[in-house]
Amino acid sequence: MIIKLNIDEENALAFKNNTKRIDVRVNNKNSKDYDKLKKGDVIEYFSDNLGIFYARVKEVNHYQTLEELFALEGTRYTTSINDEETIKNNGFYAIHIEYLYSENTVWEELYEKAKCVRNPRDVSGMISAGQVGAAILTNNHNIYTGVCIDTASTLGMCGERNAIANMITNGESEIIKLVCVDSKGNVGSPCGACREYLMQLSKNSKNIEILKNIEPKEIVKLEELIPDWWGYDRV
């Protein structure tokens, strides 16, 4: 389930910066049905300056008094609330969330995740890993990462395919955005094998957006990198 909520700028930035993780909401006649929220649901927040950003629900707790909230949740990561009359009548909900990404900064966030996951190292005398990192965003608003694995034979794996394997392991198969970062921190383009792999995932794969350059920002669709693909009638 996806629920859409408005949020003030201060709390929006706090969620993005991970200084707040619990959204306190009062359930009144004009509110959403917070009691229907469950772990794994997605909240689409909107703030004037930050725009639309997404968060995943980790836990939802109902309280009747602020004293209960402060005793069990504390105040450090909790947003403030000042509707005392409604609280007295209906109680309120403490929604634990995990910030996912912002539509306005999604490319920068994917780039940072792909860049940070890199960790060049020797796994053994025959395998090295981590020179290249990749991050993919799925249509379910999840981000998966992966690194390249190089071997002394042909059994290696590109970072993109490693991220895809992570995604498939978690039950998903449809990508909407992809970023790859090479050993020097530059944005890279998927190799031919990865392009083919991506195309075979879904009938919508041709629309996957791929970052070509972070500054200035350049984006290309997968179908532009693999034109006249042979398998459109088979996926």
C-alpha atoms as a PDB file:
ATOM      1  CA  MET A   1       0.000   0.000   0.000  1.00  0.00           C
ATOM      2  CA  ILE A   2       1.104   3.559  -0.737  1.00  0.00           C
ATOM      3  CA  ILE A   3      -0.231   6.459   1.318  1.00  0.00           C
ATOM      4  CA  LYS A   4       0.308  10.125   0.385  1.00  0.00           C
ATOM      5  CA  LEU A   5       0.997  12.674   3.126  1.00  0.00           C
ATOM      6  CA  ASN A   6       1.949  16.333   3.271  1.00  0.00           C
ATOM      7  CA  ILE A   7       4.802  17.291   5.558  1.00  0.00           C
ATOM      8  CA  ASP A   8       6.405  20.534   6.698  1.00  0.00           C
ATOM      9  CA  GLU A   9       9.884  21.394   5.500  1.00  0.00           C
ATOM     10  CA  GLU A  10      11.627  21.003   8.863  1.00  0.00           C
ATOM     11  CA  ASN A  11      10.448  17.425   9.340  1.00  0.00           C
ATOM     12  CA  ALA A  12      11.030  16.573   5.672  1.00  0.00           C
ATOM     13  CA  LEU A  13      14.694  17.546   5.972  1.00  0.00           C
ATOM     14  CA  ALA A  14      14.956  15.741   9.312  1.00  0.00           C
ATOM     15  CA  PHE A  15      13.742  12.518   7.716  1.00  0.00           C
ATOM     16  CA  LYS A  16      16.103  12.912   4.764  1.00  0.00           C
ATOM     17  CA  ASN A  17      19.047  13.569   7.092  1.00  0.00           C
ATOM     18  CA  ASN A  18      18.010  10.662   9.349  1.00  0.00           C
ATOM     19  CA  THR A  19      17.726  12.860  12.432  1.00  0.00           C
ATOM     20  CA  LYS A  20      14.024  11.945  12.740  1.00  0.00           C
ATOM     21  CA  ARG A  21      12.663   8.451  12.142  1.00  0.00           C
ATOM     22  CA  ILE A  22       9.235   8.458  13.784  1.00  0.00           C
ATOM     23  CA  ASP A  23       6.371  10.395  12.198  1.00  0.00           C
ATOM     24  CA  VAL A  24       3.675  11.199  14.761  1.00  0.00           C
ATOM     25  CA  ARG A  25       0.208  11.550  13.235  1.00  0.00           C
ATOM     26  CA  VAL A  26      -3.216  12.192  14.780  1.00  0.00           C
ATOM     27  CA  ASN A  27      -6.101  10.074  13.507  1.00  0.00           C
ATOM     28  CA  ASN A  28      -9.055  12.463  13.081  1.00  0.00           C
ATOM     29  CA  LYS A  29     -11.995  12.594  10.678  1.00  0.00           C
ATOM     30  CA  ASN A  30      -9.902  14.378   8.042  1.00  0.00           C
ATOM     31  CA  SER A  31      -6.841  12.168   8.345  1.00  0.00           C
ATOM     32  CA  LYS A  32      -5.645   9.058   6.585  1.00  0.00           C
ATOM     33  CA  ASP A  33      -6.350   5.610   8.040  1.00  0.00           C
ATOM     34  CA  TYR A  34      -3.040   5.251   9.814  1.00  0.00           C
ATOM     35  CA  ASP A  35      -4.296   2.140  11.584  1.00  0.00           C
ATOM     36  CA  LYS A  36      -4.253   0.376   8.199  1.00  0.00           C
ATOM     37  CA  LEU A  37      -0.549   1.015   7.686  1.00  0.00           C
ATOM     38  CA  LYS A  38       1.676  -1.999   8.096  1.00  0.00           C
ATOM     39  CA  LYS A  39       5.324  -2.894   7.878  1.00  0.00           C
ATOM     40  CA  GLY A  40       6.576  -2.635   4.303  1.00  0.00           C
ATOM     41  CA  ASP A  41       4.047  -0.041   3.125  1.00  0.00           C
ATOM     42  CA  VAL A  42       5.364   3.076   1.382  1.00  0.00           C
ATOM     43  CA  ILE A  43       4.597   6.689   2.322  1.00  0.00           C
ATOM     44  CA  GLU A  44       4.827   9.274  -0.454  1.00  0.00           C
ATOM     45  CA  TYR A  45       5.556  12.548   1.308  1.00  0.00           C
ATOM     46  CA  PHE A  46       5.249  16.001  -0.225  1.00  0.00           C
ATOM     47  CA  SER A  47       6.912  19.171   1.039  1.00  0.00           C
ATOM     48  CA  ASP A  48       7.114  22.541  -0.731  1.00  0.00           C
ATOM     49  CA  ASN A  49      10.894  22.666  -1.159  1.00  0.00           C
ATOM     50  CA  LEU A  50      11.999  19.039  -0.950  1.00  0.00           C
ATOM     51  CA  GLY A  51       9.168  17.950  -3.229  1.00  0.00           C
ATOM     52  CA  ILE A  52       8.126  14.300  -3.292  1.00  0.00           C
ATOM     53  CA  PHE A  53      10.135  11.773  -1.324  1.00  0.00           C
ATOM     54  CA  TYR A  54       9.477   8.212  -0.276  1.00  0.00           C
ATOM     55  CA  ALA A  55       9.813   6.327   2.997  1.00  0.00           C
ATOM     56  CA  ARG A  56       9.071   2.736   3.957  1.00  0.00           C
ATOM     57  CA  VAL A  57       7.047   1.873   7.056  1.00  0.00           C
ATOM     58  CA  LYS A  58       8.987  -0.225   9.555  1.00  0.00           C
ATOM     59  CA  GLU A  59       6.533  -0.239  12.462  1.00  0.00           C
ATOM     60  CA  VAL A  60       3.294   1.470  13.535  1.00  0.00           C
ATOM     61  CA  ASN A  61       2.332   1.987  17.182  1.00  0.00           C
ATOM     62  CA  HIS A  62      -0.813   3.588  18.610  1.00  0.00           C
ATOM     63  CA  TYR A  63      -0.686   5.643  21.807  1.00  0.00           C
ATOM     64  CA  GLN A  64      -3.346   7.341  23.868  1.00  0.00           C
ATOM     65  CA  THR A  65      -1.102   9.852  25.643  1.00  0.00           C
ATOM     66  CA  LEU A  66       2.111  11.737  25.001  1.00  0.00           C
ATOM     67  CA  GLU A  67       3.507  10.279  28.204  1.00  0.00           C
ATOM     68  CA  GLU A  68       3.160   6.806  26.688  1.00  0.00           C
ATOM     69  CA  LEU A  69       4.953   7.930  23.553  1.00  0.00           C
ATOM     70  CA  PHE A  70       7.861   9.517  25.361  1.00  0.00           C
ATOM     71  CA  ALA A  71       8.238   6.581  27.737  1.00  0.00           C
ATOM     72  CA  LEU A  72       8.310   3.946  24.985  1.00  0.00           C
ATOM     73  CA  GLU A  73       9.703   5.816  21.971  1.00  0.00           C
ATOM     74  CA  GLY A  74      11.712   8.669  23.467  1.00  0.00           C
ATOM     75  CA  THR A  75      11.942  12.089  21.843  1.00  0.00           C
ATOM     76  CA  ARG A  76      15.240  12.110  19.937  1.00  0.00           C
ATOM     77  CA  TYR A  77      13.937  10.641  16.659  1.00  0.00           C
ATOM     78  CA  THR A  78      10.267  11.609  17.084  1.00  0.00           C
ATOM     79  CA  THR A  79       8.485  14.467  15.308  1.00  0.00           C
ATOM     80  CA  SER A  80       6.564  16.922  17.467  1.00  0.00           C
ATOM     81  CA  ILE A  81       2.775  17.093  17.842  1.00  0.00           C
ATOM     82  CA  ASN A  82       0.574  19.851  19.284  1.00  0.00           C
ATOM     83  CA  ASP A  83      -3.053  18.804  18.708  1.00  0.00           C
ATOM     84  CA  GLU A  84      -3.795  17.997  22.346  1.00  0.00           C
ATOM     85  CA  GLU A  85      -7.594  17.949  22.056  1.00  0.00           C
ATOM     86  CA  THR A  86      -7.614  15.440  19.212  1.00  0.00           C
ATOM     87  CA  ILE A  87      -5.005  13.340  21.011  1.00  0.00           C
ATOM     88  CA  LYS A  88      -7.250  13.223  24.071  1.00  0.00           C
ATOM     89  CA  ASN A  89     -10.182  11.960  21.990  1.00  0.00           C
ATOM     90  CA  ASN A  90      -8.489   9.636  19.512  1.00  0.00           C
ATOM     91  CA  GLY A  91      -4.891   9.055  20.520  1.00  0.00           C
ATOM     92  CA  PHE A  92      -2.232   9.111  17.826  1.00  0.00           C
ATOM     93  CA  TYR A  93       0.119   6.963  15.766  1.00  0.00           C
ATOM     94  CA  ALA A  94       3.903   6.754  15.880  1.00  0.00           C
ATOM     95  CA  ILE A  95       4.986   5.623  12.407  1.00  0.00           C
ATOM     96  CA  HIS A  96       8.551   4.345  12.239  1.00  0.00           C
ATOM     97  CA  ILE A  97       9.934   5.027   8.766  1.00  0.00           C
ATOM     98  CA  GLU A  98      13.028   4.420   6.683  1.00  0.00           C
ATOM     99  CA  TYR A  99      13.833   7.203   4.215  1.00  0.00           C
ATOM    100  CA  LEU A 100      14.222   5.811   0.685  1.00  0.00           C
ATOM    101  CA  TYR A 101      14.878   8.650  -1.774  1.00  0.00           C
ATOM    102  CA  SER A 102      13.662  12.000  -3.094  1.00  0.00           C
ATOM    103  CA  GLU A 103      12.437  12.462  -6.652  1.00  0.00           C
ATOM    104  CA  ASN A 104      14.392  15.731  -6.866  1.00  0.00           C
ATOM    105  CA  THR A 105      17.724  14.174  -5.888  1.00  0.00           C
ATOM    106  CA  VAL A 106      17.298  10.516  -6.856  1.00  0.00           C
ATOM    107  CA  TRP A 107      20.189  10.507  -9.355  1.00  0.00           C
ATOM    108  CA  GLU A 108      22.587  12.031  -6.853  1.00  0.00           C
ATOM    109  CA  GLU A 109      21.447   9.560  -4.194  1.00  0.00           C
ATOM    110  CA  LEU A 110      21.859   6.565  -6.518  1.00  0.00           C
ATOM    111  CA  TYR A 111      25.287   7.847  -7.556  1.00  0.00           C
ATOM    112  CA  GLU A 112      26.391   8.130  -3.915  1.00  0.00           C
ATOM    113  CA  LYS A 113      25.142   4.632  -3.102  1.00  0.00           C
ATOM    114  CA  ALA A 114      26.933   3.156  -6.120  1.00  0.00           C
ATOM    115  CA  LYS A 115      30.086   5.088  -5.262  1.00  0.00           C
ATOM    116  CA  CYS A 116      30.068   4.184  -1.561  1.00  0.00           C
ATOM    117  CA  VAL A 117      29.520   0.457  -2.089  1.00  0.00           C
ATOM    118  CA  ARG A 118      32.835   0.190  -3.947  1.00  0.00           C
ATOM    119  CA  ASN A 119      35.603  -1.395  -1.890  1.00  0.00           C
ATOM    120  CA  PRO A 120      38.438  -2.730  -4.084  1.00  0.00           C
ATOM    121  CA  ARG A 121      39.899  -5.857  -2.521  1.00  0.00           C
ATOM    122  CA  ASP A 122      41.318  -9.291  -3.223  1.00  0.00           C
ATOM    123  CA  VAL A 123      38.976 -12.045  -2.194  1.00  0.00           C
ATOM    124  CA  SER A 124      41.595 -14.678  -2.993  1.00  0.00           C
ATOM    125  CA  GLY A 125      44.582 -15.112  -5.264  1.00  0.00           C
ATOM    126  CA  MET A 126      42.148 -15.622  -8.138  1.00  0.00           C
ATOM    127  CA  ILE A 127      39.242 -13.290  -7.319  1.00  0.00           C
ATOM    128  CA  SER A 128      39.090  -9.528  -6.777  1.00  0.00           C
ATOM    129  CA  ALA A 129      36.010  -7.409  -6.183  1.00  0.00           C
ATOM    130  CA  GLY A 130      34.669  -3.926  -5.584  1.00  0.00           C
ATOM    131  CA  GLN A 131      36.342  -1.858  -8.289  1.00  0.00           C
ATOM    132  CA  VAL A 132      32.964  -0.866  -9.749  1.00  0.00           C
ATOM    133  CA  GLY A 133      29.700  -0.205  -7.926  1.00  0.00           C
ATOM    134  CA  ALA A 134      26.126  -0.099  -9.198  1.00  0.00           C
ATOM    135  CA  ALA A 135      22.789   1.021  -7.771  1.00  0.00           C
ATOM    136  CA  ILE A 136      19.349   0.289  -9.184  1.00  0.00           C
ATOM    137  CA  LEU A 137      15.941   1.709  -8.276  1.00  0.00           C
ATOM    138  CA  THR A 138      12.920  -0.569  -8.704  1.00  0.00           C
ATOM    139  CA  ASN A 139       9.292   0.267  -9.385  1.00  0.00           C
ATOM    140  CA  ASN A 140       8.581  -0.710  -5.754  1.00  0.00           C
ATOM    141  CA  HIS A 141      10.807   2.188  -4.583  1.00  0.00           C
ATOM    142  CA  ASN A 142      13.620  -0.075  -3.383  1.00  0.00           C
ATOM    143  CA  ILE A 143      17.309   0.536  -4.069  1.00  0.00           C
ATOM    144  CA  TYR A 144      19.698  -2.382  -4.515  1.00  0.00           C
ATOM    145  CA  THR A 145      23.457  -2.202  -4.909  1.00  0.00           C
ATOM    146  CA  GLY A 146      26.178  -4.493  -6.188  1.00  0.00           C
ATOM    147  CA  VAL A 147      29.901  -4.536  -6.989  1.00  0.00           C
ATOM    148  CA  CYS A 148      31.846  -6.154  -9.780  1.00  0.00           C
ATOM    149  CA  ILE A 149      33.556  -9.499  -9.161  1.00  0.00           C
ATOM    150  CA  ASP A 150      36.566 -10.349 -11.340  1.00  0.00           C
ATOM    151  CA  THR A 151      37.960 -13.863 -11.526  1.00  0.00           C
ATOM    152  CA  ALA A 152      40.823 -15.697 -13.188  1.00  0.00           C
ATOM    153  CA  SER A 153      38.276 -17.403 -15.450  1.00  0.00           C
ATOM    154  CA  THR A 154      35.035 -16.210 -17.069  1.00  0.00           C
ATOM    155  CA  LEU A 155      32.954 -16.609 -13.922  1.00  0.00           C
ATOM    156  CA  GLY A 156      33.020 -12.950 -12.891  1.00  0.00           C
ATOM    157  CA  MET A 157      30.082 -10.573 -12.598  1.00  0.00           C
ATOM    158  CA  CYS A 158      29.577  -6.872 -13.349  1.00  0.00           C
ATOM    159  CA  GLY A 159      28.288  -4.584 -10.617  1.00  0.00           C
ATOM    160  CA  GLU A 160      25.002  -4.118 -12.456  1.00  0.00           C
ATOM    161  CA  ARG A 161      24.325  -7.852 -12.598  1.00  0.00           C
ATOM    162  CA  ASN A 162      25.298  -8.226  -8.960  1.00  0.00           C
ATOM    163  CA  ALA A 163      22.742  -5.534  -8.034  1.00  0.00           C
ATOM    164  CA  ILE A 164      20.157  -7.282 -10.225  1.00  0.00           C
ATOM    165  CA  ALA A 165      20.865 -10.582  -8.450  1.00  0.00           C
ATOM    166  CA  ASN A 166      20.290  -8.803  -5.140  1.00  0.00           C
ATOM    167  CA  MET A 167      16.990  -7.435  -6.459  1.00  0.00           C
ATOM    168  CA  ILE A 168      15.805 -10.825  -7.745  1.00  0.00           C
ATOM    169  CA  THR A 169      16.789 -12.478  -4.462  1.00  0.00           C
ATOM    170  CA  ASN A 170      14.417 -10.007  -2.778  1.00  0.00           C
ATOM    171  CA  GLY A 171      11.542 -10.894  -5.103  1.00  0.00           C
ATOM    172  CA  GLU A 172      11.608  -8.025  -7.590  1.00  0.00           C
ATOM    173  CA  SER A 173      12.310  -7.849 -11.308  1.00  0.00           C
ATOM    174  CA  GLU A 174      11.453  -4.393 -12.668  1.00  0.00           C
ATOM    175  CA  ILE A 175      14.037  -1.594 -12.695  1.00  0.00           C
ATOM    176  CA  ILE A 176      13.302   2.054 -13.437  1.00  0.00           C
ATOM    177  CA  LYS A 177      16.711   3.706 -12.889  1.00  0.00           C
ATOM    178  CA  LEU A 178      20.347   2.549 -12.888  1.00  0.00           C
ATOM    179  CA  VAL A 179      23.694   4.126 -12.007  1.00  0.00           C
ATOM    180  CA  CYS A 180      27.144   2.574 -12.377  1.00  0.00           C
ATOM    181  CA  VAL A 181      30.337   4.125 -10.961  1.00  0.00           C
ATOM    182  CA  ASP A 182      33.805   3.026 -12.038  1.00  0.00           C
ATOM    183  CA  SER A 183      37.030   2.729 -10.015  1.00  0.00           C
ATOM    184  CA  LYS A 184      37.804   6.438 -10.495  1.00  0.00           C
ATOM    185  CA  GLY A 185      34.393   7.615  -9.344  1.00  0.00           C
ATOM    186  CA  ASN A 186      33.142   8.335 -12.852  1.00  0.00           C
ATOM    187  CA  VAL A 187      29.725   7.327 -14.110  1.00  0.00           C
ATOM    188  CA  GLY A 188      29.963   4.336 -16.445  1.00  0.00           C
ATOM    189  CA  SER A 189      27.679   2.745 -19.020  1.00  0.00           C
ATOM    190  CA  PRO A 190      26.556  -0.905 -18.814  1.00  0.00           C
ATOM    191  CA  CYS A 191      28.538  -3.314 -20.969  1.00  0.00           C
ATOM    192  CA  GLY A 192      26.856  -5.252 -23.766  1.00  0.00           C
ATOM    193  CA  ALA A 193      26.203  -8.293 -21.575  1.00  0.00           C
ATOM    194  CA  CYS A 194      24.555  -6.149 -18.900  1.00  0.00           C
ATOM    195  CA  ARG A 195      22.408  -4.364 -21.459  1.00  0.00           C
ATOM    196  CA  GLU A 196      21.163  -7.701 -22.740  1.00  0.00           C
ATOM    197  CA  TYR A 197      20.577  -8.946 -19.187  1.00  0.00           C
ATOM    198  CA  LEU A 198      18.602  -5.811 -18.354  1.00  0.00           C
ATOM    199  CA  MET A 199      16.449  -6.068 -21.470  1.00  0.00           C
ATOM    200  CA  GLN A 200      15.456  -9.639 -20.663  1.00  0.00           C
ATOM    201  CA  LEU A 201      14.127  -8.735 -17.197  1.00  0.00           C
ATOM    202  CA  SER A 202      10.821  -7.166 -18.214  1.00  0.00           C
ATOM    203  CA  LYS A 203       8.752  -5.925 -21.122  1.00  0.00           C
ATOM    204  CA  ASN A 204       9.253  -2.445 -19.643  1.00  0.00           C
ATOM    205  CA  SER A 205      13.048  -2.710 -19.507  1.00  0.00           C
ATOM    206  CA  LYS A 206      13.468  -0.587 -22.626  1.00  0.00           C
ATOM    207  CA  ASN A 207      12.325   2.377 -20.501  1.00  0.00           C
ATOM    208  CA  ILE A 208      14.991   1.935 -17.815  1.00  0.00           C
ATOM    209  CA  GLU A 209      16.731   5.276 -17.325  1.00  0.00           C
ATOM    210  CA  ILE A 210      20.520   5.111 -17.085  1.00  0.00           C
ATOM    211  CA  LEU A 211      22.785   7.890 -15.863  1.00  0.00           C
ATOM    212  CA  LYS A 212      25.457   8.773 -18.424  1.00  0.00           C
ATOM    213  CA  ASN A 213      26.986  11.714 -16.573  1.00  0.00           C
ATOM    214  CA  ILE A 214      26.384  13.285 -13.158  1.00  0.00           C
ATOM    215  CA  GLU A 215      27.594  16.829 -13.950  1.00  0.00           C
ATOM    216  CA  PRO A 216      26.131  18.006 -16.215  1.00  0.00           C
ATOM    217  CA  LYS A 217      23.390  15.447 -15.758  1.00  0.00           C
ATOM    218  CA  GLU A 218      22.830  13.197 -18.778  1.00  0.00           C
ATOM    219  CA  ILE A 219      20.304  10.375 -18.869  1.00  0.00           C
ATOM    220  CA  VAL A 220      19.634   7.783 -21.556  1.00  0.00           C
ATOM    221  CA  LYS A 221      17.008   5.048 -21.886  1.00  0.00           C
ATOM    222  CA  LEU A 222      18.132   1.460 -22.238  1.00  0.00           C
ATOM    223  CA  GLU A 223      16.454   1.090 -25.637  1.00  0.00           C
ATOM    224  CA  GLU A 224      18.822   3.779 -26.942  1.00  0.00           C
ATOM    225  CA  LEU A 225      21.817   1.668 -25.893  1.00  0.00           C
ATOM    226  CA  ILE A 226      20.497  -1.537 -27.443  1.00  0.00           C
ATOM    227  CA  PRO A 227      18.367  -0.551 -30.475  1.00  0.00           C
ATOM    228  CA  ASP A 228      16.431  -3.076 -32.569  1.00  0.00           C
ATOM    229  CA  TRP A 229      16.577  -5.587 -29.741  1.00  0.00           C
ATOM    230  CA  TRP A 230      15.757  -9.124 -30.869  1.00  0.00           C
ATOM    231  CA  GLY A 231      13.508 -10.250 -28.006  1.00  0.00           C
ATOM    232  CA  TYR A 232      10.633  -7.742 -27.720  1.00  0.00           C
ATOM    233  CA  ASP A 233       8.022 -10.402 -28.533  1.00  0.00           C
ATOM    234  CA  ARG A 234       9.335 -12.836 -25.921  1.00  0.00           C
ATOM    235  CA  VAL A 235       9.529 -10.957 -22.594  1.00  0.00           C
END
